[in-house]
Amino acid sequence: MDKYILIDCGFHDELEALATLRQSCRIVYRNAAGESVEIEGLIVDVYAANQADFLRMNNGIEIRLDKLVSVNDKQISFCTD
């Protein structure tokens, strides 16, 4: 696995809010081949594992947060520490 890049805490909080409120969202992310993939559904969990953060969708898809491109047309923000 390549090195994880932290996402901005505020963006992380927004993902957790979407999961808590069970709001449908449109997500664009990069798959293992680097291709852009767009999905729509519910985020059911935001969690940490293997020194990285992930989200799990209601259809079972799991996405590492630093592979996100946008959520509901909002571009991913990375930590600037």
N, C-alpha and C. Protein backbone atom coordinates (compact mmCIF):
# COMPACT_ATOMS: atom_id res chain seq x y z
N MET A 1 0.85 -1.18 0.00
CA MET A 1 0.00 0.00 0.00
C MET A 1 0.90 1.24 0.00
N ASP A 2 0.54 2.23 -0.82
CA ASP A 2 1.32 3.45 -0.85
C ASP A 2 1.03 4.30 0.39
N LYS A 3 1.92 5.26 0.65
CA LYS A 3 1.82 6.07 1.86
C LYS A 3 0.50 6.86 1.88
N TYR A 4 -0.16 6.83 3.02
CA TYR A 4 -1.45 7.52 3.19
C TYR A 4 -1.20 9.02 3.37
N ILE A 5 -2.01 9.83 2.71
CA ILE A 5 -1.96 11.29 2.85
C ILE A 5 -3.19 11.71 3.65
N LEU A 6 -2.96 12.39 4.78
CA LEU A 6 -4.07 12.82 5.64
C LEU A 6 -4.98 13.80 4.91
N ILE A 7 -6.29 13.60 5.09
CA ILE A 7 -7.24 14.58 4.56
C ILE A 7 -7.52 15.61 5.66
N ASP A 8 -8.02 16.75 5.25
CA ASP A 8 -8.34 17.83 6.17
C ASP A 8 -9.38 17.36 7.20
N CYS A 9 -9.17 17.72 8.46
CA CYS A 9 -10.08 17.30 9.54
C CYS A 9 -11.51 17.76 9.29
N GLY A 10 -11.68 18.95 8.75
CA GLY A 10 -13.02 19.45 8.46
C GLY A 10 -13.72 18.62 7.41
N PHE A 11 -12.97 18.18 6.40
CA PHE A 11 -13.54 17.32 5.36
C PHE A 11 -13.90 15.96 5.95
N HIS A 12 -13.04 15.45 6.83
CA HIS A 12 -13.31 14.18 7.52
C HIS A 12 -14.61 14.29 8.32
N ASP A 13 -14.79 15.42 9.02
CA ASP A 13 -16.02 15.65 9.78
C ASP A 13 -17.24 15.67 8.88
N GLU A 14 -17.10 16.26 7.68
CA GLU A 14 -18.22 16.30 6.74
C GLU A 14 -18.62 14.89 6.30
N LEU A 15 -17.62 14.03 6.09
CA LEU A 15 -17.91 12.65 5.71
C LEU A 15 -18.65 11.92 6.84
N GLU A 16 -18.21 12.15 8.08
CA GLU A 16 -18.89 11.53 9.22
C GLU A 16 -20.31 12.04 9.36
N ALA A 17 -20.53 13.33 9.08
CA ALA A 17 -21.88 13.90 9.15
C ALA A 17 -22.78 13.26 8.09
N LEU A 18 -22.26 13.08 6.88
CA LEU A 18 -23.04 12.42 5.83
C LEU A 18 -23.44 11.01 6.25
N ALA A 19 -22.52 10.31 6.90
CA ALA A 19 -22.81 8.95 7.37
C ALA A 19 -23.86 8.98 8.47
N THR A 20 -23.70 9.88 9.42
CA THR A 20 -24.63 9.97 10.55
C THR A 20 -26.04 10.35 10.10
N LEU A 21 -26.12 11.30 9.15
CA LEU A 21 -27.42 11.77 8.67
C LEU A 21 -28.01 10.86 7.60
N ARG A 22 -27.24 9.85 7.17
CA ARG A 22 -27.67 8.88 6.16
C ARG A 22 -28.15 9.59 4.89
N GLN A 23 -27.34 10.56 4.46
CA GLN A 23 -27.66 11.31 3.25
C GLN A 23 -26.98 10.67 2.05
N SER A 24 -27.73 10.53 0.99
CA SER A 24 -27.16 10.01 -0.24
C SER A 24 -26.13 11.00 -0.77
N CYS A 25 -25.05 10.49 -1.31
CA CYS A 25 -24.02 11.38 -1.83
C CYS A 25 -23.41 10.79 -3.09
N ARG A 26 -22.83 11.68 -3.89
CA ARG A 26 -22.15 11.30 -5.12
C ARG A 26 -20.65 11.41 -4.85
N ILE A 27 -19.94 10.33 -5.07
CA ILE A 27 -18.52 10.27 -4.76
C ILE A 27 -17.73 9.95 -6.02
N VAL A 28 -16.67 10.70 -6.23
CA VAL A 28 -15.71 10.41 -7.30
C VAL A 28 -14.40 10.06 -6.61
N TYR A 29 -13.80 8.93 -7.02
CA TYR A 29 -12.53 8.50 -6.43
C TYR A 29 -11.67 7.84 -7.48
N ARG A 30 -10.40 7.62 -7.15
CA ARG A 30 -9.47 6.94 -8.03
C ARG A 30 -9.34 5.48 -7.58
N ASN A 31 -9.54 4.56 -8.50
CA ASN A 31 -9.42 3.14 -8.16
C ASN A 31 -7.94 2.73 -8.18
N ALA A 32 -7.66 1.45 -7.97
CA ALA A 32 -6.29 0.95 -7.90
C ALA A 32 -5.52 1.18 -9.20
N ALA A 33 -6.22 1.26 -10.31
CA ALA A 33 -5.58 1.50 -11.60
C ALA A 33 -5.42 2.99 -11.88
N GLY A 34 -5.87 3.85 -10.94
CA GLY A 34 -5.77 5.29 -11.13
C GLY A 34 -6.89 5.88 -11.96
N GLU A 35 -7.89 5.06 -12.28
CA GLU A 35 -9.02 5.54 -13.08
C GLU A 35 -10.05 6.23 -12.18
N SER A 36 -10.69 7.24 -12.73
CA SER A 36 -11.73 7.96 -12.00
C SER A 36 -13.03 7.15 -12.04
N VAL A 37 -13.63 6.95 -10.87
CA VAL A 37 -14.87 6.18 -10.74
C VAL A 37 -15.88 7.05 -10.00
N GLU A 38 -17.11 7.08 -10.49
CA GLU A 38 -18.18 7.83 -9.82
C GLU A 38 -19.24 6.86 -9.33
N ILE A 39 -19.62 7.01 -8.06
CA ILE A 39 -20.67 6.19 -7.48
C ILE A 39 -21.62 7.08 -6.70
N GLU A 40 -22.80 6.57 -6.43
CA GLU A 40 -23.77 7.29 -5.61
C GLU A 40 -24.34 6.32 -4.60
N GLY A 41 -24.52 6.78 -3.38
CA GLY A 41 -25.07 5.93 -2.33
C GLY A 41 -24.89 6.54 -0.96
N LEU A 42 -25.02 5.70 0.05
CA LEU A 42 -24.91 6.14 1.44
C LEU A 42 -23.58 5.71 2.03
N ILE A 43 -22.95 6.63 2.75
CA ILE A 43 -21.76 6.28 3.52
C ILE A 43 -22.27 5.67 4.82
N VAL A 44 -21.86 4.44 5.11
CA VAL A 44 -22.34 3.79 6.34
C VAL A 44 -21.29 3.78 7.44
N ASP A 45 -20.02 4.04 7.08
CA ASP A 45 -18.97 4.05 8.11
C ASP A 45 -17.76 4.82 7.61
N VAL A 46 -17.12 5.54 8.53
CA VAL A 46 -15.83 6.18 8.30
C VAL A 46 -14.94 5.64 9.40
N TYR A 47 -13.83 5.00 9.03
CA TYR A 47 -13.04 4.29 10.03
C TYR A 47 -11.56 4.30 9.68
N ALA A 48 -10.73 3.95 10.66
CA ALA A 48 -9.28 3.85 10.47
C ALA A 48 -8.88 2.38 10.51
N ALA A 49 -7.94 2.01 9.63
CA ALA A 49 -7.38 0.65 9.60
C ALA A 49 -6.07 0.69 8.83
N ASN A 50 -5.12 -0.09 9.26
CA ASN A 50 -3.84 -0.20 8.55
C ASN A 50 -3.18 1.16 8.30
N GLN A 51 -3.22 2.03 9.29
CA GLN A 51 -2.59 3.35 9.25
C GLN A 51 -3.16 4.25 8.15
N ALA A 52 -4.45 4.10 7.87
CA ALA A 52 -5.13 4.94 6.89
C ALA A 52 -6.60 5.06 7.29
N ASP A 53 -7.29 6.04 6.70
CA ASP A 53 -8.72 6.23 6.95
C ASP A 53 -9.49 5.79 5.72
N PHE A 54 -10.67 5.21 5.95
CA PHE A 54 -11.50 4.66 4.89
C PHE A 54 -12.96 5.05 5.11
N LEU A 55 -13.74 4.94 4.04
CA LEU A 55 -15.19 4.99 4.20
C LEU A 55 -15.77 3.74 3.56
N ARG A 56 -16.90 3.32 4.08
CA ARG A 56 -17.61 2.15 3.55
C ARG A 56 -18.98 2.63 3.09
N MET A 57 -19.34 2.23 1.87
CA MET A 57 -20.63 2.59 1.31
C MET A 57 -21.65 1.49 1.60
N ASN A 58 -22.92 1.82 1.46
CA ASN A 58 -23.98 0.84 1.73
C ASN A 58 -23.96 -0.35 0.76
N ASN A 59 -23.28 -0.21 -0.37
CA ASN A 59 -23.17 -1.33 -1.31
C ASN A 59 -21.92 -2.17 -1.07
N GLY A 60 -21.18 -1.86 0.02
CA GLY A 60 -20.00 -2.64 0.39
C GLY A 60 -18.68 -2.09 -0.13
N ILE A 61 -18.72 -1.12 -1.03
CA ILE A 61 -17.48 -0.53 -1.54
C ILE A 61 -16.76 0.20 -0.40
N GLU A 62 -15.45 -0.04 -0.30
CA GLU A 62 -14.61 0.65 0.67
C GLU A 62 -13.59 1.49 -0.08
N ILE A 63 -13.44 2.75 0.35
CA ILE A 63 -12.56 3.69 -0.34
C ILE A 63 -11.62 4.32 0.68
N ARG A 64 -10.32 4.27 0.37
CA ARG A 64 -9.35 4.97 1.22
C ARG A 64 -9.54 6.47 0.98
N LEU A 65 -9.60 7.25 2.06
CA LEU A 65 -9.98 8.65 1.93
C LEU A 65 -9.05 9.47 1.05
N ASP A 66 -7.78 9.14 1.01
CA ASP A 66 -6.88 9.93 0.15
C ASP A 66 -7.01 9.57 -1.32
N LYS A 67 -7.90 8.63 -1.64
CA LYS A 67 -8.20 8.30 -3.04
C LYS A 67 -9.44 9.03 -3.53
N LEU A 68 -10.12 9.75 -2.62
CA LEU A 68 -11.29 10.54 -3.00
C LEU A 68 -10.87 11.70 -3.88
N VAL A 69 -11.71 12.04 -4.84
CA VAL A 69 -11.52 13.22 -5.67
C VAL A 69 -12.52 14.28 -5.24
N SER A 70 -13.79 13.87 -5.07
CA SER A 70 -14.83 14.80 -4.63
C SER A 70 -15.99 14.04 -4.00
N VAL A 71 -16.73 14.77 -3.17
CA VAL A 71 -17.95 14.25 -2.56
C VAL A 71 -19.01 15.33 -2.74
N ASN A 72 -20.10 14.98 -3.40
CA ASN A 72 -21.15 15.94 -3.73
C ASN A 72 -20.58 17.18 -4.41
N ASP A 73 -19.67 16.96 -5.34
CA ASP A 73 -19.01 18.01 -6.14
C ASP A 73 -18.05 18.89 -5.35
N LYS A 74 -17.80 18.57 -4.09
CA LYS A 74 -16.82 19.32 -3.30
C LYS A 74 -15.49 18.57 -3.36
N GLN A 75 -14.47 19.27 -3.85
CA GLN A 75 -13.14 18.69 -4.00
C GLN A 75 -12.57 18.30 -2.63
N ILE A 76 -11.86 17.19 -2.59
CA ILE A 76 -11.20 16.72 -1.37
C ILE A 76 -10.18 17.76 -0.91
N SER A 77 -10.09 17.95 0.40
CA SER A 77 -9.11 18.84 1.00
C SER A 77 -8.14 18.01 1.79
N PHE A 78 -6.85 18.27 1.60
CA PHE A 78 -5.83 17.54 2.34
C PHE A 78 -5.30 18.37 3.50
N CYS A 79 -4.78 17.70 4.52
CA CYS A 79 -4.23 18.35 5.69
C CYS A 79 -3.01 19.18 5.27
N THR A 80 -2.87 20.36 5.83
CA THR A 80 -1.77 21.25 5.45
C THR A 80 -0.73 21.39 6.55
N ASP A 81 -0.70 20.45 7.50
CA ASP A 81 0.29 20.53 8.59
C ASP A 81 1.69 20.47 8.07
